Amino acid sequence: MPALEVHALADGLRSRAAEADEAQHRLGAPALVGGPLQPTVEAFLQSHRTAAQALAGELRWLGATIGAVADSWLALDGALLSRVGRPGVQ
């Protein structure tokens, strides 16, 4: 897989992390339903905010890791290509 495609994958994951952050914030708005259902609604929203936060963190980490892999491939390619054509180097 070309490094540019791997970088694109990393960028896509970072973009999805931003969407998960946005979802977390949207779920933060109070949903006033009142009565005995209110605590259940608040617990439901809190659990989904927590899930969105965890998902965003995982996607950011995965995007950074995949980006680092692509960078290391490019560095390895550069090191190997710099050796090509040197006398006595095999």
PDB file of N, CA and C in Angstrom:
ATOM      1  N   MET A   1       0.851  -1.167   0.000  1.00  0.00           N
ATOM      2  CA  MET A   1       0.000   0.000   0.000  1.00  0.00           C
ATOM      3  C   MET A   1       0.903   1.238   0.000  1.00  0.00           C
ATOM      4  N   PRO A   2       0.705   2.148  -0.913  1.00  0.00           N
ATOM      5  CA  PRO A   2       1.543   3.352  -0.961  1.00  0.00           C
ATOM      6  C   PRO A   2       1.380   4.212   0.309  1.00  0.00           C
ATOM      7  N   ALA A   3       2.475   4.834   0.694  1.00  0.00           N
ATOM      8  CA  ALA A   3       2.470   5.651   1.917  1.00  0.00           C
ATOM      9  C   ALA A   3       1.446   6.786   1.841  1.00  0.00           C
ATOM     10  N   LEU A   4       1.234   7.334   0.659  1.00  0.00           N
ATOM     11  CA  LEU A   4       0.238   8.410   0.530  1.00  0.00           C
ATOM     12  C   LEU A   4      -1.163   7.906   0.871  1.00  0.00           C
ATOM     13  N   GLU A   5      -1.463   6.674   0.489  1.00  0.00           N
ATOM     14  CA  GLU A   5      -2.772   6.100   0.828  1.00  0.00           C
ATOM     15  C   GLU A   5      -2.875   5.826   2.330  1.00  0.00           C
ATOM     16  N   VAL A   6      -1.770   5.426   2.927  1.00  0.00           N
ATOM     17  CA  VAL A   6      -1.755   5.189   4.370  1.00  0.00           C
ATOM     18  C   VAL A   6      -1.956   6.521   5.103  1.00  0.00           C
ATOM     19  N   HIS A   7      -1.318   7.576   4.618  1.00  0.00           N
ATOM     20  CA  HIS A   7      -1.530   8.905   5.214  1.00  0.00           C
ATOM     21  C   HIS A   7      -2.990   9.342   5.049  1.00  0.00           C
ATOM     22  N   ALA A   8      -3.587   9.046   3.909  1.00  0.00           N
ATOM     23  CA  ALA A   8      -4.997   9.385   3.692  1.00  0.00           C
ATOM     24  C   ALA A   8      -5.887   8.624   4.673  1.00  0.00           C
ATOM     25  N   LEU A   9      -5.559   7.371   4.930  1.00  0.00           N
ATOM     26  CA  LEU A   9      -6.307   6.592   5.915  1.00  0.00           C
ATOM     27  C   LEU A   9      -6.186   7.230   7.301  1.00  0.00           C
ATOM     28  N   ALA A  10      -4.979   7.630   7.667  1.00  0.00           N
ATOM     29  CA  ALA A  10      -4.770   8.281   8.963  1.00  0.00           C
ATOM     30  C   ALA A  10      -5.568   9.578   9.055  1.00  0.00           C
ATOM     31  N   ASP A  11      -5.574  10.356   7.992  1.00  0.00           N
ATOM     32  CA  ASP A  11      -6.342  11.602   7.978  1.00  0.00           C
ATOM     33  C   ASP A  11      -7.839  11.331   8.111  1.00  0.00           C
ATOM     34  N   GLY A  12      -8.314  10.276   7.455  1.00  0.00           N
ATOM     35  CA  GLY A  12      -9.722   9.907   7.563  1.00  0.00           C
ATOM     36  C   GLY A  12     -10.103   9.523   8.979  1.00  0.00           C
ATOM     37  N   LEU A  13      -9.220   8.796   9.656  1.00  0.00           N
ATOM     38  CA  LEU A  13      -9.491   8.417  11.044  1.00  0.00           C
ATOM     39  C   LEU A  13      -9.517   9.642  11.953  1.00  0.00           C
ATOM     40  N   ARG A  14      -8.608  10.572  11.711  1.00  0.00           N
ATOM     41  CA  ARG A  14      -8.609  11.814  12.513  1.00  0.00           C
ATOM     42  C   ARG A  14      -9.885  12.611  12.276  1.00  0.00           C
ATOM     43  N   SER A  15     -10.365  12.602  11.055  1.00  0.00           N
ATOM     44  CA  SER A  15     -11.614  13.292  10.736  1.00  0.00           C
ATOM     45  C   SER A  15     -12.791  12.640  11.459  1.00  0.00           C
ATOM     46  N   ARG A  16     -12.809  11.312  11.500  1.00  0.00           N
ATOM     47  CA  ARG A  16     -13.882  10.607  12.225  1.00  0.00           C
ATOM     48  C   ARG A  16     -13.792  10.901  13.722  1.00  0.00           C
ATOM     49  N   ALA A  17     -12.583  11.091  14.235  1.00  0.00           N
ATOM     50  CA  ALA A  17     -12.423  11.448  15.649  1.00  0.00           C
ATOM     51  C   ALA A  17     -13.067  12.804  15.923  1.00  0.00           C
ATOM     52  N   ALA A  18     -12.901  13.726  14.999  1.00  0.00           N
ATOM     53  CA  ALA A  18     -13.520  15.046  15.163  1.00  0.00           C
ATOM     54  C   ALA A  18     -15.043  14.925  15.149  1.00  0.00           C
ATOM     55  N   GLU A  19     -15.564  14.037  14.323  1.00  0.00           N
ATOM     56  CA  GLU A  19     -17.014  13.812  14.295  1.00  0.00           C
ATOM     57  C   GLU A  19     -17.500  13.213  15.613  1.00  0.00           C
ATOM     58  N   ALA A  20     -16.724  12.298  16.187  1.00  0.00           N
ATOM     59  CA  ALA A  20     -17.097  11.719  17.481  1.00  0.00           C
ATOM     60  C   ALA A  20     -17.049  12.784  18.572  1.00  0.00           C
ATOM     61  N   ASP A  21     -16.072  13.695  18.502  1.00  0.00           N
ATOM     62  CA  ASP A  21     -16.032  14.812  19.452  1.00  0.00           C
ATOM     63  C   ASP A  21     -17.289  15.671  19.325  1.00  0.00           C
ATOM     64  N   GLU A  22     -17.682  15.928  18.096  1.00  0.00           N
ATOM     65  CA  GLU A  22     -18.876  16.733  17.845  1.00  0.00           C
ATOM     66  C   GLU A  22     -20.125  16.039  18.407  1.00  0.00           C
ATOM     67  N   ALA A  23     -20.209  14.738  18.218  1.00  0.00           N
ATOM     68  CA  ALA A  23     -21.348  13.981  18.746  1.00  0.00           C
ATOM     69  C   ALA A  23     -21.378  14.071  20.264  1.00  0.00           C
ATOM     70  N   GLN A  24     -20.220  13.982  20.871  1.00  0.00           N
ATOM     71  CA  GLN A  24     -20.124  14.091  22.332  1.00  0.00           C
ATOM     72  C   GLN A  24     -20.685  15.428  22.808  1.00  0.00           C
ATOM     73  N   HIS A  25     -20.346  16.498  22.114  1.00  0.00           N
ATOM     74  CA  HIS A  25     -20.819  17.824  22.507  1.00  0.00           C
ATOM     75  C   HIS A  25     -22.317  17.994  22.248  1.00  0.00           C
ATOM     76  N   ARG A  26     -22.789  17.420  21.161  1.00  0.00           N
ATOM     77  CA  ARG A  26     -24.230  17.500  20.883  1.00  0.00           C
ATOM     78  C   ARG A  26     -25.050  16.774  21.936  1.00  0.00           C
ATOM     79  N   LEU A  27     -24.503  15.691  22.441  1.00  0.00           N
ATOM     80  CA  LEU A  27     -25.204  14.931  23.470  1.00  0.00           C
ATOM     81  C   LEU A  27     -25.133  15.608  24.833  1.00  0.00           C
ATOM     82  N   GLY A  28     -24.355  16.670  24.935  1.00  0.00           N
ATOM     83  CA  GLY A  28     -24.214  17.376  26.203  1.00  0.00           C
ATOM     84  C   GLY A  28     -25.358  18.323  26.497  1.00  0.00           C
ATOM     85  N   ALA A  29     -26.139  18.675  25.495  1.00  0.00           N
ATOM     86  CA  ALA A  29     -27.266  19.585  25.712  1.00  0.00           C
ATOM     87  C   ALA A  29     -28.317  18.882  26.576  1.00  0.00           C
ATOM     88  N   PRO A  30     -28.835  19.587  27.548  1.00  0.00           N
ATOM     89  CA  PRO A  30     -29.822  18.941  28.422  1.00  0.00           C
ATOM     90  C   PRO A  30     -31.098  18.591  27.657  1.00  0.00           C
ATOM     91  N   ALA A  31     -31.592  17.424  27.949  1.00  0.00           N
ATOM     92  CA  ALA A  31     -32.856  16.981  27.372  1.00  0.00           C
ATOM     93  C   ALA A  31     -33.874  16.972  28.509  1.00  0.00           C
ATOM     94  N   LEU A  32     -34.663  17.997  28.562  1.00  0.00           N
ATOM     95  CA  LEU A  32     -35.616  18.131  29.660  1.00  0.00           C
ATOM     96  C   LEU A  32     -36.914  17.409  29.307  1.00  0.00           C
ATOM     97  N   VAL A  33     -37.092  16.257  29.910  1.00  0.00           N
ATOM     98  CA  VAL A  33     -38.336  15.520  29.715  1.00  0.00           C
ATOM     99  C   VAL A  33     -39.176  15.538  30.988  1.00  0.00           C
ATOM    100  N   GLY A  34     -38.511  15.825  32.100  1.00  0.00           N
ATOM    101  CA  GLY A  34     -39.207  15.947  33.369  1.00  0.00           C
ATOM    102  C   GLY A  34     -39.684  14.622  33.925  1.00  0.00           C
ATOM    103  N   GLY A  35     -40.204  14.707  35.117  1.00  0.00           N
ATOM    104  CA  GLY A  35     -40.790  13.549  35.770  1.00  0.00           C
ATOM    105  C   GLY A  35     -39.802  12.457  36.074  1.00  0.00           C
ATOM    106  N   PRO A  36     -40.316  11.267  36.309  1.00  0.00           N
ATOM    107  CA  PRO A  36     -39.457  10.155  36.716  1.00  0.00           C
ATOM    108  C   PRO A  36     -38.535   9.660  35.593  1.00  0.00           C
ATOM    109  N   LEU A  37     -38.805  10.051  34.362  1.00  0.00           N
ATOM    110  CA  LEU A  37     -37.980   9.628  33.244  1.00  0.00           C
ATOM    111  C   LEU A  37     -36.678  10.443  33.129  1.00  0.00           C
ATOM    112  N   GLN A  38     -36.618  11.621  33.738  1.00  0.00           N
ATOM    113  CA  GLN A  38     -35.461  12.517  33.600  1.00  0.00           C
ATOM    114  C   GLN A  38     -34.139  11.850  33.989  1.00  0.00           C
ATOM    115  N   PRO A  39     -34.027  11.186  35.147  1.00  0.00           N
ATOM    116  CA  PRO A  39     -32.737  10.560  35.482  1.00  0.00           C
ATOM    117  C   PRO A  39     -32.307   9.495  34.472  1.00  0.00           C
ATOM    118  N   THR A  40     -33.261   8.776  33.917  1.00  0.00           N
ATOM    119  CA  THR A  40     -32.936   7.750  32.929  1.00  0.00           C
ATOM    120  C   THR A  40     -32.412   8.376  31.640  1.00  0.00           C
ATOM    121  N   VAL A  41     -33.035   9.461  31.214  1.00  0.00           N
ATOM    122  CA  VAL A  41     -32.585  10.164  30.013  1.00  0.00           C
ATOM    123  C   VAL A  41     -31.180  10.725  30.234  1.00  0.00           C
ATOM    124  N   GLU A  42     -30.949  11.301  31.401  1.00  0.00           N
ATOM    125  CA  GLU A  42     -29.621  11.855  31.690  1.00  0.00           C
ATOM    126  C   GLU A  42     -28.556  10.761  31.717  1.00  0.00           C
ATOM    127  N   ALA A  43     -28.873   9.609  32.300  1.00  0.00           N
ATOM    128  CA  ALA A  43     -27.920   8.497  32.333  1.00  0.00           C
ATOM    129  C   ALA A  43     -27.651   7.972  30.925  1.00  0.00           C
ATOM    130  N   PHE A  44     -28.698   7.893  30.117  1.00  0.00           N
ATOM    131  CA  PHE A  44     -28.556   7.452  28.727  1.00  0.00           C
ATOM    132  C   PHE A  44     -27.620   8.385  27.957  1.00  0.00           C
ATOM    133  N   LEU A  45     -27.855   9.687  28.085  1.00  0.00           N
ATOM    134  CA  LEU A  45     -27.012  10.654  27.372  1.00  0.00           C
ATOM    135  C   LEU A  45     -25.579  10.626  27.886  1.00  0.00           C
ATOM    136  N   GLN A  46     -25.415  10.477  29.193  1.00  0.00           N
ATOM    137  CA  GLN A  46     -24.064  10.421  29.766  1.00  0.00           C
ATOM    138  C   GLN A  46     -23.307   9.201  29.240  1.00  0.00           C
ATOM    139  N   SER A  47     -23.964   8.074  29.154  1.00  0.00           N
ATOM    140  CA  SER A  47     -23.283   6.874  28.657  1.00  0.00           C
ATOM    141  C   SER A  47     -22.887   7.045  27.196  1.00  0.00           C
ATOM    142  N   HIS A  48     -23.715   7.707  26.422  1.00  0.00           N
ATOM    143  CA  HIS A  48     -23.378   7.931  25.014  1.00  0.00           C
ATOM    144  C   HIS A  48     -22.293   8.999  24.859  1.00  0.00           C
ATOM    145  N   ARG A  49     -22.271   9.999  25.729  1.00  0.00           N
ATOM    146  CA  ARG A  49     -21.169  10.974  25.707  1.00  0.00           C
ATOM    147  C   ARG A  49     -19.851  10.275  26.016  1.00  0.00           C
ATOM    148  N   THR A  50     -19.888   9.391  27.001  1.00  0.00           N
ATOM    149  CA  THR A  50     -18.681   8.657  27.368  1.00  0.00           C
ATOM    150  C   THR A  50     -18.212   7.772  26.220  1.00  0.00           C
ATOM    151  N   ALA A  51     -19.143   7.102  25.568  1.00  0.00           N
ATOM    152  CA  ALA A  51     -18.782   6.257  24.422  1.00  0.00           C
ATOM    153  C   ALA A  51     -18.196   7.097  23.288  1.00  0.00           C
ATOM    154  N   ALA A  52     -18.782   8.255  23.023  1.00  0.00           N
ATOM    155  CA  ALA A  52     -18.270   9.131  21.956  1.00  0.00           C
ATOM    156  C   ALA A  52     -16.872   9.628  22.300  1.00  0.00           C
ATOM    157  N   GLN A  53     -16.661   9.955  23.568  1.00  0.00           N
ATOM    158  CA  GLN A  53     -15.336  10.416  24.003  1.00  0.00           C
ATOM    159  C   GLN A  53     -14.297   9.307  23.825  1.00  0.00           C
ATOM    160  N   ALA A  54     -14.658   8.085  24.226  1.00  0.00           N
ATOM    161  CA  ALA A  54     -13.730   6.965  24.085  1.00  0.00           C
ATOM    162  C   ALA A  54     -13.446   6.669  22.610  1.00  0.00           C
ATOM    163  N   LEU A  55     -14.486   6.700  21.793  1.00  0.00           N
ATOM    164  CA  LEU A  55     -14.311   6.452  20.364  1.00  0.00           C
ATOM    165  C   LEU A  55     -13.406   7.511  19.739  1.00  0.00           C
ATOM    166  N   ALA A  56     -13.621   8.768  20.086  1.00  0.00           N
ATOM    167  CA  ALA A  56     -12.784   9.840  19.547  1.00  0.00           C
ATOM    168  C   ALA A  56     -11.325   9.632  19.928  1.00  0.00           C
ATOM    169  N   GLY A  57     -11.088   9.265  21.173  1.00  0.00           N
ATOM    170  CA  GLY A  57      -9.717   9.025  21.622  1.00  0.00           C
ATOM    171  C   GLY A  57      -9.060   7.876  20.885  1.00  0.00           C
ATOM    172  N   GLU A  58      -9.799   6.804  20.706  1.00  0.00           N
ATOM    173  CA  GLU A  58      -9.262   5.643  19.989  1.00  0.00           C
ATOM    174  C   GLU A  58      -8.979   5.974  18.528  1.00  0.00           C
ATOM    175  N   LEU A  59      -9.886   6.704  17.901  1.00  0.00           N
ATOM    176  CA  LEU A  59      -9.677   7.070  16.495  1.00  0.00           C
ATOM    177  C   LEU A  59      -8.475   7.999  16.335  1.00  0.00           C
ATOM    178  N   ARG A  60      -8.306   8.940  17.278  1.00  0.00           N
ATOM    179  CA  ARG A  60      -7.129   9.819  17.229  1.00  0.00           C
ATOM    180  C   ARG A  60      -5.848   9.008  17.380  1.00  0.00           C
ATOM    181  N   TRP A  61      -5.849   8.097  18.352  1.00  0.00           N
ATOM    182  CA  TRP A  61      -4.667   7.262  18.579  1.00  0.00           C
ATOM    183  C   TRP A  61      -4.368   6.420  17.344  1.00  0.00           C
ATOM    184  N   LEU A  62      -5.381   5.789  16.782  1.00  0.00           N
ATOM    185  CA  LEU A  62      -5.185   4.949  15.611  1.00  0.00           C
ATOM    186  C   LEU A  62      -4.698   5.766  14.420  1.00  0.00           C
ATOM    187  N   GLY A  63      -5.274   6.956  14.224  1.00  0.00           N
ATOM    188  CA  GLY A  63      -4.827   7.828  13.141  1.00  0.00           C
ATOM    189  C   GLY A  63      -3.369   8.232  13.310  1.00  0.00           C
ATOM    190  N   ALA A  64      -2.982   8.558  14.541  1.00  0.00           N
ATOM    191  CA  ALA A  64      -1.590   8.942  14.798  1.00  0.00           C
ATOM    192  C   ALA A  64      -0.646   7.758  14.573  1.00  0.00           C
ATOM    193  N   THR A  65      -1.063   6.580  14.998  1.00  0.00           N
ATOM    194  CA  THR A  65      -0.227   5.388  14.834  1.00  0.00           C
ATOM    195  C   THR A  65      -0.056   5.042  13.356  1.00  0.00           C
ATOM    196  N   ILE A  66      -1.136   5.084  12.623  1.00  0.00           N
ATOM    197  CA  ILE A  66      -1.062   4.773  11.188  1.00  0.00           C
ATOM    198  C   ILE A  66      -0.233   5.832  10.462  1.00  0.00           C
ATOM    199  N   GLY A  67      -0.386   7.096  10.839  1.00  0.00           N
ATOM    200  CA  GLY A  67       0.439   8.152  10.253  1.00  0.00           C
ATOM    201  C   GLY A  67       1.919   7.934  10.537  1.00  0.00           C
ATOM    202  N   ALA A  68       2.238   7.489  11.754  1.00  0.00           N
ATOM    203  CA  ALA A  68       3.634   7.219  12.110  1.00  0.00           C
ATOM    204  C   ALA A  68       4.193   6.048  11.298  1.00  0.00           C
ATOM    205  N   VAL A  69       3.354   5.046  11.047  1.00  0.00           N
ATOM    206  CA  VAL A  69       3.795   3.919  10.213  1.00  0.00           C
ATOM    207  C   VAL A  69       4.123   4.407   8.806  1.00  0.00           C
ATOM    208  N   ALA A  70       3.252   5.232   8.244  1.00  0.00           N
ATOM    209  CA  ALA A  70       3.509   5.755   6.893  1.00  0.00           C
ATOM    210  C   ALA A  70       4.793   6.580   6.878  1.00  0.00           C
ATOM    211  N   ASP A  71       5.001   7.391   7.909  1.00  0.00           N
ATOM    212  CA  ASP A  71       6.238   8.183   7.986  1.00  0.00           C
ATOM    213  C   ASP A  71       7.464   7.280   8.062  1.00  0.00           C
ATOM    214  N   SER A  72       7.366   6.198   8.824  1.00  0.00           N
ATOM    215  CA  SER A  72       8.518   5.299   8.936  1.00  0.00           C
ATOM    216  C   SER A  72       8.791   4.590   7.611  1.00  0.00           C
ATOM    217  N   TRP A  73       7.714   4.263   6.868  1.00  0.00           N
ATOM    218  CA  TRP A  73       7.921   3.673   5.544  1.00  0.00           C
ATOM    219  C   TRP A  73       8.655   4.640   4.637  1.00  0.00           C
ATOM    220  N   LEU A  74       8.244   5.909   4.671  1.00  0.00           N
ATOM    221  CA  LEU A  74       8.907   6.909   3.834  1.00  0.00           C
ATOM    222  C   LEU A  74      10.364   7.088   4.244  1.00  0.00           C
ATOM    223  N   ALA A  75      10.636   7.072   5.533  1.00  0.00           N
ATOM    224  CA  ALA A  75      12.021   7.209   6.005  1.00  0.00           C
ATOM    225  C   ALA A  75      12.852   6.002   5.582  1.00  0.00           C
ATOM    226  N   LEU A  76      12.281   4.811   5.683  1.00  0.00           N
ATOM    227  CA  LEU A  76      12.997   3.619   5.257  1.00  0.00           C
ATOM    228  C   LEU A  76      13.263   3.658   3.755  1.00  0.00           C
ATOM    229  N   ASP A  77      12.242   4.024   2.996  1.00  0.00           N
ATOM    230  CA  ASP A  77      12.435   4.141   1.545  1.00  0.00           C
ATOM    231  C   ASP A  77      13.544   5.135   1.231  1.00  0.00           C
ATOM    232  N   GLY A  78      13.530   6.271   1.908  1.00  0.00           N
ATOM    233  CA  GLY A  78      14.562   7.281   1.676  1.00  0.00           C
ATOM    234  C   GLY A  78      15.947   6.768   2.018  1.00  0.00           C
ATOM    235  N   ALA A  79      16.052   6.045   3.117  1.00  0.00           N
ATOM    236  CA  ALA A  79      17.356   5.499   3.511  1.00  0.00           C
ATOM    237  C   ALA A  79      17.837   4.466   2.509  1.00  0.00           C
ATOM    238  N   LEU A  80      16.925   3.622   2.073  1.00  0.00           N
ATOM    239  CA  LEU A  80      17.329   2.597   1.102  1.00  0.00           C
ATOM    240  C   LEU A  80      17.688   3.207  -0.241  1.00  0.00           C
ATOM    241  N   LEU A  81      16.905   4.184  -0.684  1.00  0.00           N
ATOM    242  CA  LEU A  81      17.194   4.810  -1.968  1.00  0.00           C
ATOM    243  C   LEU A  81      18.472   5.631  -1.937  1.00  0.00           C
ATOM    244  N   SER A  82      18.819   6.170  -0.770  1.00  0.00           N
ATOM    245  CA  SER A  82      20.054   6.944  -0.700  1.00  0.00           C
ATOM    246  C   SER A  82      21.273   6.059  -0.832  1.00  0.00           C
ATOM    247  N   ARG A  83      21.120   4.788  -0.549  1.00  0.00           N
ATOM    248  CA  ARG A  83      22.233   3.832  -0.658  1.00  0.00           C
ATOM    249  C   ARG A  83      22.412   3.324  -2.081  1.00  0.00           C
ATOM    250  N   VAL A  84      21.389   3.443  -2.894  1.00  0.00           N
ATOM    251  CA  VAL A  84      21.460   2.932  -4.270  1.00  0.00           C
ATOM    252  C   VAL A  84      22.491   3.735  -5.051  1.00  0.00           C
ATOM    253  N   GLY A  85      23.341   3.048  -5.736  1.00  0.00           N
ATOM    254  CA  GLY A  85      24.322   3.702  -6.585  1.00  0.00           C
ATOM    255  C   GLY A  85      25.632   4.038  -5.893  1.00  0.00           C
ATOM    256  N   ARG A  86      25.740   3.801  -4.604  1.00  0.00           N
ATOM    257  CA  ARG A  86      27.016   4.040  -3.938  1.00  0.00           C
ATOM    258  C   ARG A  86      27.962   2.870  -4.235  1.00  0.00           C
ATOM    259  N   PRO A  87      29.196   3.177  -4.565  1.00  0.00           N
ATOM    260  CA  PRO A  87      30.151   2.094  -4.842  1.00  0.00           C
ATOM    261  C   PRO A  87      30.398   1.265  -3.569  1.00  0.00           C
ATOM    262  N   GLY A  88      30.397  -0.032  -3.741  1.00  0.00           N
ATOM    263  CA  GLY A  88      30.706  -0.943  -2.625  1.00  0.00           C
ATOM    264  C   GLY A  88      29.524  -1.205  -1.719  1.00  0.00           C
ATOM    265  N   VAL A  89      28.380  -0.614  -1.956  1.00  0.00           N
ATOM    266  CA  VAL A  89      27.208  -0.841  -1.116  1.00  0.00           C
ATOM    267  C   VAL A  89      26.305  -1.842  -1.802  1.00  0.00           C
ATOM    268  N   GLN A  90      25.885  -2.850  -1.058  1.00  0.00           N
ATOM    269  CA  GLN A  90      25.017  -3.870  -1.640  1.00  0.00           C
ATOM    270  C   GLN A  90      23.717  -3.921  -0.924  1.00  0.00           C
TER     271      GLN A  90
END
